[in-house]
Amino acid sequence: MSDQSKIDPGRCLAPEEMKPYLAGVEPDVREVAPGRLGKVETPETLAAREGIPSDEHGIPADLAIRSRVLLRHQRENWPMLGKGFESLETVQVRTFDFDGFGMKVQFNPGRIVSSLAKVDKKSIRERKCFLCRTNLPPEQKVLLYGDYMVLGNPFPIFREHFTIPHLDHIPQRIRNAFEPMLDLSAAMGRYYTLFYNGPRCGASAPDHLHFQGGERGFMPIDIHWEDMAGRHGTWIADDDKIRMARVDDGLRRYVIMESDNKPKLLQNFEQIYTAFAEASRQAGSEAGEDEEPMLNILTTQENGRWRVICFLRRKHRPARFFAEGDDKMVFSPASTDFGGVCITPVERDFRRITADDLRAMFNELSVSPDVLDAVVKSL
């Protein structure tokens, strides 16, 4: 367990800083639409109606509500983050249709740093970790939750975007962090989906364990996951403990789990992890023997049930990322891309990318159907 006392008290968002962002809100608003930062409920409305307890300062003891308040505060009091979210107003989107589902492509130049991030061991050693609490910008405030900090992300994709790093500087590894991810997704599930990018799967800080979060429903798979399982997958378990599906939609290969039983989810995730580590290395994954298998993971909790989607990968970046001239395309997919919102930070790429490009690059990055079948057989 990390020592929260190591955090400078001035770094944490204080109750007196929260209250202005809870007050003066329309009292009749019951549901908060994704991205509607001006529609945060007050303690006297949502909290009272839904039985959410408040602390001694009258602040709802709900991490999702507090996270939304944090972001409202940071947009007004941290110019870098405010500018980042203002830039989303100019983001452009194209939509491509595939076999019964759509993929969005977002032109977001603010993500160029993340897309081009150098994640080799030498580059990581030579830079300061931007997720360590001692290296955070002075204006950046945090919320504490167990061993983790909730931070506003100054380079957003979502209209509400958070980074959730561990208090300690420990490597990006999911095997022993999957249970905290479930706990965080339960605590933030009122509004948000959490995601994990493996160290070779889009994490720009592979040396520091962290998750990210964004408003639920922003990624197409958040809404259409059950349709995808029915159209492109097979339910391999469907009982009172857990539902599981094997899905191959022609671009991505993944496993969906849905359950209100945390021990069962933990057990099945360990089976997936172990089987995938073996199958992917036999198939020639980019991950080395001492590295975790290549995973992107989405989690959320709705109506008391967790939903977990594990995307299985074999490569970090497509060949076109490293190409020269007209063949080059700056496309470095992470969880959001696999969830159906593909980020292109270069306008030229945004204008010329095609459905065939997306199909080819996702298939290059995703495992083969044989590897997916090997994982499923272990369950």
Protein backbone atom coordinates (compact mmCIF):
# COMPACT_ATOMS: atom_id res chain seq x y z
CA MET A 1 0.00 0.00 0.00
CA SER A 2 1.39 3.38 -0.99
CA ASP A 3 1.74 6.14 1.57
CA GLN A 4 -0.69 8.94 0.70
CA SER A 5 0.99 11.16 3.28
CA LYS A 6 3.83 11.61 0.78
CA ILE A 7 1.49 13.77 -1.30
CA ASP A 8 1.80 17.50 -0.64
CA PRO A 9 -1.58 18.49 0.92
CA GLY A 10 -1.64 21.53 -1.34
CA ARG A 11 -1.59 19.24 -4.36
CA CYS A 12 -4.96 17.64 -3.49
CA LEU A 13 -8.14 19.38 -4.55
CA ALA A 14 -9.51 20.75 -1.27
CA PRO A 15 -13.21 20.89 -0.28
CA GLU A 16 -13.23 24.69 -0.51
CA GLU A 17 -11.90 24.37 -4.08
CA MET A 18 -14.60 21.83 -4.97
CA LYS A 19 -17.60 23.67 -3.63
CA PRO A 20 -17.77 26.45 -6.26
CA TYR A 21 -17.99 23.76 -8.93
CA LEU A 22 -20.81 21.90 -7.19
CA ALA A 23 -22.92 24.96 -6.43
CA GLY A 24 -25.26 26.88 -8.70
CA VAL A 25 -26.19 23.92 -10.89
CA GLU A 26 -29.68 23.28 -12.25
CA PRO A 27 -31.40 21.37 -9.41
CA ASP A 28 -33.64 19.28 -11.65
CA VAL A 29 -30.88 17.67 -13.69
CA ARG A 30 -30.87 13.96 -12.89
CA GLU A 31 -28.64 12.54 -15.62
CA VAL A 32 -25.41 14.20 -16.67
CA ALA A 33 -24.89 13.98 -20.43
CA PRO A 34 -21.36 12.96 -21.50
CA GLY A 35 -19.13 15.98 -21.73
CA ARG A 36 -21.65 18.37 -20.15
CA LEU A 37 -19.24 19.76 -17.59
CA GLY A 38 -21.73 22.47 -16.61
CA LYS A 39 -24.23 19.88 -15.42
CA VAL A 40 -22.66 18.57 -12.24
CA GLU A 41 -25.28 17.72 -9.60
CA THR A 42 -25.19 19.36 -6.16
CA PRO A 43 -25.13 17.37 -2.90
CA GLU A 44 -28.78 18.37 -2.34
CA THR A 45 -29.98 16.84 -5.61
CA LEU A 46 -28.28 13.81 -7.11
CA ALA A 47 -26.53 12.71 -3.92
CA ALA A 48 -29.67 13.00 -1.83
CA ARG A 49 -31.95 11.34 -4.38
CA GLU A 50 -29.64 8.43 -5.09
CA GLY A 51 -28.43 7.87 -1.55
CA ILE A 52 -24.83 8.95 -2.18
CA PRO A 53 -23.27 9.84 1.18
CA SER A 54 -21.44 13.14 1.61
CA ASP A 55 -18.34 13.81 3.65
CA GLU A 56 -18.12 16.22 6.57
CA HIS A 57 -17.72 19.11 4.11
CA GLY A 58 -20.90 18.27 2.19
CA ILE A 59 -19.02 16.92 -0.85
CA PRO A 60 -20.53 13.74 -2.39
CA ALA A 61 -18.36 10.72 -1.62
CA ASP A 62 -18.50 9.54 -5.22
CA LEU A 63 -15.30 9.43 -7.25
CA ALA A 64 -17.06 10.03 -10.58
CA ILE A 65 -18.72 13.21 -9.31
CA ARG A 66 -15.49 14.40 -7.69
CA SER A 67 -13.55 13.68 -10.88
CA ARG A 68 -15.95 15.79 -12.90
CA VAL A 69 -15.57 18.59 -10.34
CA LEU A 70 -11.77 18.24 -10.58
CA LEU A 71 -11.92 18.71 -14.33
CA ARG A 72 -14.17 21.76 -14.05
CA HIS A 73 -11.73 23.30 -11.58
CA GLN A 74 -8.67 22.49 -13.70
CA ARG A 75 -10.19 23.92 -16.87
CA GLU A 76 -10.49 27.28 -15.15
CA ASN A 77 -7.33 27.22 -13.04
CA TRP A 78 -4.71 25.38 -15.12
CA PRO A 79 -4.19 27.22 -18.44
CA MET A 80 -2.44 24.29 -20.13
CA LEU A 81 -5.36 21.95 -19.49
CA GLY A 82 -7.91 24.63 -20.34
CA LYS A 83 -6.22 25.20 -23.68
CA GLY A 84 -6.12 21.46 -24.35
CA PHE A 85 -9.87 21.11 -23.87
CA GLU A 86 -10.58 24.24 -25.88
CA SER A 87 -8.68 22.63 -28.76
CA LEU A 88 -11.31 19.87 -28.89
CA GLU A 89 -13.71 22.45 -30.31
CA THR A 90 -11.73 22.36 -33.57
CA VAL A 91 -11.33 18.58 -33.76
CA GLN A 92 -12.63 17.08 -37.00
CA VAL A 93 -14.15 13.60 -37.36
CA ARG A 94 -14.73 11.22 -40.26
CA THR A 95 -16.72 7.97 -39.96
CA PHE A 96 -16.10 4.72 -41.84
CA ASP A 97 -18.57 1.86 -42.09
CA PHE A 98 -17.52 -1.76 -41.92
CA ASP A 99 -19.58 -4.94 -41.56
CA GLY A 100 -22.32 -3.71 -39.26
CA PHE A 101 -20.22 -1.25 -37.26
CA GLY A 102 -18.52 2.10 -37.63
CA MET A 103 -15.08 3.47 -36.81
CA LYS A 104 -14.42 7.17 -36.27
CA VAL A 105 -11.22 8.95 -37.26
CA GLN A 106 -10.42 12.08 -35.26
CA PHE A 107 -8.01 14.76 -36.44
CA ASN A 108 -6.46 15.86 -33.14
CA PRO A 109 -3.12 17.66 -33.52
CA GLY A 110 -2.80 17.96 -29.74
CA ARG A 111 -2.06 14.22 -29.60
CA ILE A 112 1.08 14.43 -31.73
CA VAL A 113 3.36 14.17 -28.67
CA SER A 114 1.70 10.95 -27.55
CA SER A 115 1.57 9.45 -31.05
CA LEU A 116 5.29 10.09 -31.61
CA ALA A 117 6.38 9.26 -28.05
CA LYS A 118 9.71 7.47 -27.84
CA VAL A 119 9.19 4.50 -25.56
CA ASP A 120 12.51 2.68 -26.01
CA LYS A 121 14.44 2.00 -22.81
CA LYS A 122 17.12 4.60 -23.52
CA SER A 123 14.61 7.42 -24.10
CA ILE A 124 12.65 6.46 -20.99
CA ARG A 125 15.79 6.50 -18.83
CA GLU A 126 16.82 9.94 -20.09
CA ARG A 127 13.58 11.81 -19.36
CA LYS A 128 11.81 12.71 -16.14
CA CYS A 129 8.65 10.72 -15.54
CA PHE A 130 5.75 13.09 -16.11
CA LEU A 131 3.42 10.91 -14.00
CA CYS A 132 5.47 11.01 -10.80
CA ARG A 133 3.92 13.27 -8.21
CA THR A 134 7.14 15.25 -7.76
CA ASN A 135 7.21 16.15 -11.47
CA LEU A 136 3.60 17.31 -11.91
CA PRO A 137 3.05 20.92 -13.05
CA PRO A 138 2.42 23.32 -10.12
CA GLU A 139 -1.18 23.99 -11.23
CA GLN A 140 -2.11 20.32 -11.49
CA LYS A 141 -4.44 19.13 -8.74
CA VAL A 142 -5.15 15.52 -7.79
CA LEU A 143 -7.81 13.34 -6.24
CA LEU A 144 -6.59 10.37 -4.22
CA TYR A 145 -8.14 6.92 -4.46
CA GLY A 146 -6.25 4.15 -2.70
CA ASP A 147 -2.84 3.84 -4.34
CA TYR A 148 -3.83 6.03 -7.31
CA MET A 149 -4.18 9.71 -8.27
CA VAL A 150 -6.91 11.00 -10.57
CA LEU A 151 -5.53 13.77 -12.81
CA GLY A 152 -7.04 15.86 -15.60
CA ASN A 153 -5.35 15.00 -18.90
CA PRO A 154 -4.07 18.19 -20.62
CA PHE A 155 -3.89 16.45 -24.03
CA PRO A 156 -7.45 15.16 -24.30
CA ILE A 157 -9.18 12.89 -26.75
CA PHE A 158 -12.43 12.76 -24.78
CA ARG A 159 -14.39 15.81 -23.69
CA GLU A 160 -13.67 14.52 -20.20
CA HIS A 161 -10.29 12.81 -20.06
CA PHE A 162 -8.32 11.64 -17.03
CA THR A 163 -4.98 10.01 -16.34
CA ILE A 164 -4.89 7.79 -13.24
CA PRO A 165 -1.29 6.95 -12.23
CA HIS A 166 -0.09 4.87 -9.29
CA LEU A 167 1.40 6.90 -6.46
CA ASP A 168 4.68 5.01 -6.86
CA HIS A 169 6.96 4.84 -9.87
CA ILE A 170 6.42 1.19 -10.79
CA PRO A 171 6.31 -0.35 -14.30
CA GLN A 172 3.21 -0.46 -16.47
CA ARG A 173 2.02 -4.02 -15.80
CA ILE A 174 -1.60 -5.14 -15.62
CA ARG A 175 -1.33 -8.61 -14.09
CA ASN A 176 -1.29 -7.41 -10.48
CA ALA A 177 -3.22 -4.22 -11.23
CA PHE A 178 -6.34 -5.69 -12.80
CA GLU A 179 -8.24 -5.77 -9.50
CA PRO A 180 -7.53 -2.07 -8.79
CA MET A 181 -8.67 -1.35 -12.33
CA LEU A 182 -11.98 -3.06 -11.61
CA ASP A 183 -12.31 -1.10 -8.36
CA LEU A 184 -11.57 2.20 -10.09
CA SER A 185 -14.02 1.44 -12.89
CA ALA A 186 -16.71 0.73 -10.27
CA ALA A 187 -15.91 3.98 -8.46
CA MET A 188 -15.98 6.03 -11.72
CA GLY A 189 -18.56 4.01 -13.64
CA ARG A 190 -21.35 6.53 -13.13
CA TYR A 191 -19.90 8.52 -16.05
CA TYR A 192 -16.65 6.97 -17.29
CA THR A 193 -14.94 4.05 -19.01
CA LEU A 194 -11.39 3.23 -17.89
CA PHE A 195 -8.70 1.91 -20.18
CA TYR A 196 -5.26 0.38 -19.96
CA ASN A 197 -2.58 0.63 -22.62
CA GLY A 198 0.14 -1.98 -22.32
CA PRO A 199 3.80 -0.86 -22.38
CA ARG A 200 3.97 -1.77 -26.10
CA CYS A 201 0.37 -0.88 -26.85
CA GLY A 202 0.21 2.89 -26.75
CA ALA A 203 1.38 3.74 -23.23
CA SER A 204 3.55 6.86 -23.46
CA ALA A 205 4.84 6.17 -19.92
CA PRO A 206 5.61 2.43 -19.89
CA ASP A 207 7.75 2.95 -16.80
CA HIS A 208 4.88 4.19 -14.59
CA LEU A 209 1.71 2.18 -13.92
CA HIS A 210 -1.38 4.14 -14.94
CA PHE A 211 -4.85 3.95 -16.39
CA GLN A 212 -6.88 6.53 -18.29
CA GLY A 213 -10.56 7.38 -18.27
CA GLY A 214 -13.05 9.11 -20.53
CA GLU A 215 -16.80 9.53 -20.75
CA ARG A 216 -18.68 6.32 -21.33
CA GLY A 217 -20.34 6.11 -24.73
CA PHE A 218 -17.70 8.16 -26.56
CA MET A 219 -16.12 5.06 -28.10
CA PRO A 220 -18.46 3.14 -30.42
CA ILE A 221 -17.69 -0.17 -28.75
CA ASP A 222 -19.04 1.21 -25.46
CA ILE A 223 -22.47 1.30 -27.08
CA HIS A 224 -22.33 -1.55 -29.60
CA TRP A 225 -20.32 -4.20 -27.72
CA GLU A 226 -23.27 -6.60 -27.41
CA ASP A 227 -24.20 -6.19 -31.07
CA MET A 228 -20.57 -6.87 -31.98
CA ALA A 229 -20.57 -10.06 -29.92
CA GLY A 230 -23.76 -11.21 -31.64
CA ARG A 231 -22.75 -10.27 -35.19
CA HIS A 232 -19.04 -11.06 -35.17
CA GLY A 233 -18.57 -13.29 -32.17
CA THR A 234 -19.58 -16.35 -30.21
CA TRP A 235 -20.76 -16.43 -26.62
CA ILE A 236 -18.45 -18.95 -24.98
CA ALA A 237 -20.00 -18.56 -21.52
CA ASP A 238 -23.40 -17.23 -20.52
CA ASP A 239 -24.49 -18.15 -17.00
CA ASP A 240 -25.35 -16.49 -13.70
CA LYS A 241 -21.67 -15.87 -12.90
CA ILE A 242 -20.23 -14.50 -16.14
CA ARG A 243 -20.89 -13.85 -19.81
CA MET A 244 -17.94 -14.15 -22.19
CA ALA A 245 -17.64 -13.69 -25.93
CA ARG A 246 -14.93 -14.35 -28.52
CA VAL A 247 -15.05 -11.64 -31.21
CA ASP A 248 -13.34 -11.25 -34.59
CA ASP A 249 -14.87 -8.31 -36.45
CA GLY A 250 -12.47 -8.38 -39.40
CA LEU A 251 -10.19 -5.70 -37.93
CA ARG A 252 -9.70 -6.63 -34.27
CA ARG A 253 -9.64 -9.79 -32.19
CA TYR A 254 -10.87 -9.53 -28.60
CA VAL A 255 -12.57 -11.14 -25.62
CA ILE A 256 -15.53 -9.56 -23.82
CA MET A 257 -16.41 -10.38 -20.21
CA GLU A 258 -19.46 -9.14 -18.32
CA SER A 259 -20.22 -10.00 -14.69
CA ASP A 260 -21.08 -8.68 -11.25
CA ASN A 261 -18.77 -11.32 -9.75
CA LYS A 262 -15.34 -9.82 -9.20
CA PRO A 263 -13.60 -13.08 -8.14
CA LYS A 264 -14.83 -14.73 -11.34
CA LEU A 265 -13.56 -11.84 -13.45
CA LEU A 266 -10.18 -12.00 -11.74
CA GLN A 267 -9.98 -15.76 -12.29
CA ASN A 268 -10.90 -15.55 -15.97
CA PHE A 269 -8.59 -12.62 -16.63
CA GLU A 270 -5.67 -14.57 -15.17
CA GLN A 271 -6.52 -17.45 -17.52
CA ILE A 272 -6.68 -15.08 -20.50
CA TYR A 273 -3.40 -13.44 -19.53
CA THR A 274 -1.54 -16.72 -19.08
CA ALA A 275 -2.87 -18.32 -22.26
CA PHE A 276 -2.27 -15.21 -24.33
CA ALA A 277 1.29 -14.82 -23.07
CA GLU A 278 2.08 -18.32 -24.29
CA ALA A 279 0.13 -18.24 -27.56
CA SER A 280 1.30 -14.80 -28.65
CA ARG A 281 4.98 -15.54 -28.10
CA GLN A 282 4.73 -18.75 -30.05
CA ALA A 283 3.14 -16.72 -32.84
CA GLY A 284 5.94 -14.14 -32.90
CA SER A 285 4.68 -11.24 -30.79
CA GLU A 286 6.87 -8.14 -30.50
CA ALA A 287 6.76 -8.51 -26.71
CA GLY A 288 9.90 -10.07 -25.30
CA GLU A 289 10.12 -13.03 -22.92
CA ASP A 290 10.35 -10.69 -19.92
CA GLU A 291 7.47 -8.46 -21.05
CA GLU A 292 3.73 -8.77 -20.63
CA PRO A 293 1.61 -9.88 -23.60
CA MET A 294 0.33 -7.03 -25.75
CA LEU A 295 -3.05 -5.91 -24.39
CA ASN A 296 -5.40 -2.96 -24.53
CA ILE A 297 -8.21 -3.19 -21.98
CA LEU A 298 -11.46 -1.26 -21.51
CA THR A 299 -13.49 -1.53 -18.29
CA THR A 300 -16.62 0.09 -16.95
CA GLN A 301 -19.39 -0.76 -14.53
CA GLU A 302 -23.06 -0.21 -15.30
CA ASN A 303 -25.95 -1.26 -13.06
CA GLY A 304 -23.57 -3.16 -10.79
CA ARG A 305 -22.05 -5.23 -13.61
CA TRP A 306 -18.52 -4.87 -14.91
CA ARG A 307 -17.76 -5.02 -18.61
CA VAL A 308 -14.19 -5.85 -19.64
CA ILE A 309 -12.94 -5.88 -23.23
CA CYS A 310 -9.44 -7.29 -23.85
CA PHE A 311 -7.98 -6.49 -27.27
CA LEU A 312 -5.22 -8.92 -28.22
CA ARG A 313 -2.27 -7.51 -30.19
CA ARG A 314 0.99 -8.63 -31.76
CA LYS A 315 2.56 -5.28 -32.80
CA HIS A 316 2.98 -1.79 -31.38
CA ARG A 317 2.84 0.31 -34.55
CA PRO A 318 2.01 -0.51 -38.18
CA ALA A 319 4.72 -0.53 -40.86
CA ARG A 320 3.34 2.68 -42.33
CA PHE A 321 4.28 4.56 -39.16
CA PHE A 322 7.95 3.97 -40.03
CA ALA A 323 7.63 4.43 -43.81
CA GLU A 324 9.04 7.35 -45.77
CA GLY A 325 7.36 9.77 -48.15
CA ASP A 326 3.77 9.23 -49.23
CA ASP A 327 3.57 5.83 -47.58
CA LYS A 328 4.13 7.26 -44.08
CA MET A 329 1.12 7.60 -41.80
CA VAL A 330 1.37 8.76 -38.16
CA PHE A 331 -1.01 6.23 -36.65
CA SER A 332 -0.07 4.68 -33.31
CA PRO A 333 -3.20 2.96 -31.99
CA ALA A 334 -3.96 2.56 -28.30
CA SER A 335 -7.14 1.62 -26.41
CA THR A 336 -9.23 4.51 -27.73
CA ASP A 337 -8.39 3.57 -31.33
CA PHE A 338 -9.24 -0.07 -30.71
CA GLY A 339 -12.45 1.16 -29.09
CA GLY A 340 -13.41 2.78 -32.38
CA VAL A 341 -12.04 6.37 -32.23
CA CYS A 342 -8.84 6.47 -34.28
CA ILE A 343 -6.53 9.40 -33.64
CA THR A 344 -4.67 11.07 -36.50
CA PRO A 345 -2.58 14.04 -35.30
CA VAL A 346 -1.45 14.95 -38.86
CA GLU A 347 -4.09 16.61 -41.05
CA ARG A 348 -2.73 15.10 -44.28
CA ASP A 349 -3.22 11.61 -42.85
CA PHE A 350 -6.72 12.48 -41.65
CA ARG A 351 -7.73 13.64 -45.14
CA ARG A 352 -6.37 10.65 -47.05
CA ILE A 353 -6.95 7.69 -44.71
CA THR A 354 -9.43 5.12 -46.07
CA ALA A 355 -11.44 2.22 -44.71
CA ASP A 356 -8.99 -0.13 -46.43
CA ASP A 357 -6.10 1.60 -44.62
CA LEU A 358 -7.79 1.07 -41.28
CA ARG A 359 -8.60 -2.55 -42.05
CA ALA A 360 -5.03 -3.27 -43.11
CA MET A 361 -3.36 -1.53 -40.15
CA PHE A 362 -5.63 -3.02 -37.48
CA ASN A 363 -5.14 -6.50 -38.93
CA GLU A 364 -1.40 -5.93 -38.92
CA LEU A 365 -1.50 -5.01 -35.24
CA SER A 366 -4.06 -7.56 -34.05
CA VAL A 367 -3.38 -11.23 -33.35
CA SER A 368 -4.45 -13.88 -35.82
CA PRO A 369 -7.72 -15.80 -35.32
CA ASP A 370 -5.62 -18.84 -34.38
CA VAL A 371 -4.12 -17.00 -31.40
CA LEU A 372 -7.56 -15.82 -30.32
CA ASP A 373 -8.81 -19.42 -30.51
CA ALA A 374 -5.89 -20.64 -28.42
CA VAL A 375 -6.77 -18.14 -25.71
CA VAL A 376 -10.43 -19.04 -25.77
CA LYS A 377 -9.68 -22.74 -25.43
CA SER A 378 -8.06 -22.05 -22.07
CA LEU A 379 -11.27 -20.67 -20.58
